Amino acid sequence: MACVYILFSKSTNKFYVGSSREDNSISRLNSHNGRKTKSTKNGRPWIVINEIQCDNYTEARKKENFLKSGVGRKWISEEFGKFKNS
């Protein structure tokens, strides 16, 4: 199994979408918060706000790419916009 996850950073007030070959995002979250991921090292601490389970990594990457598209970013803002206001 694989998963797609959405992270949020209060310090930058931004979302981050990623995928993992594992069935949960915990190890990836540790990488993001441990400054091991270049694109997210400035937004620490990150929190997981959503995780989507997928049957395989190919499916997870397709969902990740959708969530990074304009329509996907709009859906994230509508669903999880409350995080930006808190």
Protein backbone atom coordinates (compact mmCIF):
# COMPACT_ATOMS: atom_id res chain seq x y z
CA MET A 1 0.00 0.00 0.00
CA ALA A 2 0.95 3.63 -0.44
CA CYS A 3 -0.48 6.96 0.64
CA VAL A 4 -0.83 10.60 -0.30
CA TYR A 5 -0.62 13.16 2.46
CA ILE A 6 -1.31 16.85 2.91
CA LEU A 7 0.82 18.77 5.38
CA PHE A 8 0.29 22.26 6.78
CA SER A 9 2.81 24.70 8.23
CA LYS A 10 1.59 27.46 10.54
CA SER A 11 4.92 29.28 10.23
CA THR A 12 4.60 29.68 6.44
CA ASN A 13 0.79 29.32 6.29
CA LYS A 14 1.17 26.87 3.39
CA PHE A 15 0.11 23.38 2.42
CA TYR A 16 2.40 20.68 1.06
CA VAL A 17 1.28 17.56 -0.83
CA GLY A 18 3.43 14.45 -0.98
CA SER A 19 3.25 10.71 -1.42
CA SER A 20 4.86 7.74 0.27
CA ARG A 21 5.46 4.14 -0.70
CA GLU A 22 4.52 3.22 2.87
CA ASP A 23 0.95 2.95 4.12
CA ASN A 24 1.28 5.94 6.46
CA SER A 25 2.92 9.34 6.39
CA ILE A 26 4.74 9.22 9.73
CA SER A 27 8.22 8.51 8.35
CA ARG A 28 7.78 11.17 5.67
CA LEU A 29 6.55 13.67 8.27
CA ASN A 30 9.69 12.99 10.29
CA SER A 31 11.79 13.69 7.18
CA HIS A 32 9.99 16.96 6.53
CA ASN A 33 10.30 18.11 10.14
CA GLY A 34 13.90 16.87 10.36
CA ARG A 35 15.06 19.19 7.54
CA LYS A 36 15.84 16.19 5.33
CA THR A 37 13.51 17.41 2.59
CA LYS A 38 14.81 20.50 0.80
CA SER A 39 11.43 21.85 -0.27
CA THR A 40 9.94 21.85 3.25
CA LYS A 41 12.87 22.60 5.56
CA ASN A 42 11.76 26.23 6.10
CA GLY A 43 8.19 25.43 7.11
CA ARG A 44 8.81 23.44 10.27
CA PRO A 45 6.91 22.18 12.14
CA TRP A 46 4.60 20.49 9.64
CA ILE A 47 1.43 18.68 10.68
CA VAL A 48 -0.49 16.03 8.75
CA ILE A 49 -3.99 17.30 8.01
CA ASN A 50 -5.08 14.56 5.61
CA GLU A 51 -3.90 11.15 4.47
CA ILE A 52 -5.35 9.15 1.57
CA GLN A 53 -4.65 5.42 1.33
CA CYS A 54 -3.93 4.02 -2.14
CA ASP A 55 -3.60 0.48 -3.49
CA ASN A 56 -0.18 1.13 -5.00
CA TYR A 57 2.43 3.84 -5.48
CA THR A 58 1.37 4.59 -9.07
CA GLU A 59 -2.13 5.46 -7.87
CA ALA A 60 -0.66 7.56 -5.05
CA ARG A 61 1.49 9.55 -7.50
CA LYS A 62 -1.53 10.19 -9.74
CA LYS A 63 -3.52 11.55 -6.77
CA GLU A 64 -0.52 13.61 -5.65
CA ASN A 65 -0.19 15.16 -9.11
CA PHE A 66 -3.92 15.93 -9.16
CA LEU A 67 -3.73 17.63 -5.75
CA LYS A 68 -0.82 19.73 -7.02
CA SER A 69 -2.87 20.89 -10.03
CA GLY A 70 -5.02 24.01 -10.02
CA VAL A 71 -8.22 22.06 -9.36
CA GLY A 72 -6.53 20.05 -6.61
CA ARG A 73 -5.11 23.15 -4.90
CA LYS A 74 -8.56 24.74 -5.01
CA TRP A 75 -10.08 21.62 -3.39
CA ILE A 76 -7.42 21.69 -0.66
CA SER A 77 -8.16 25.38 0.04
CA GLU A 78 -11.89 24.75 0.23
CA GLU A 79 -11.59 21.61 2.39
CA PHE A 80 -8.78 22.69 4.70
CA GLY A 81 -8.81 26.49 4.50
CA LYS A 82 -9.75 26.60 8.17
CA PHE A 83 -6.13 25.74 9.01
CA LYS A 84 -4.99 29.02 7.46
CA ASN A 85 -7.42 30.99 9.59
CA SER A 86 -6.50 29.41 12.93
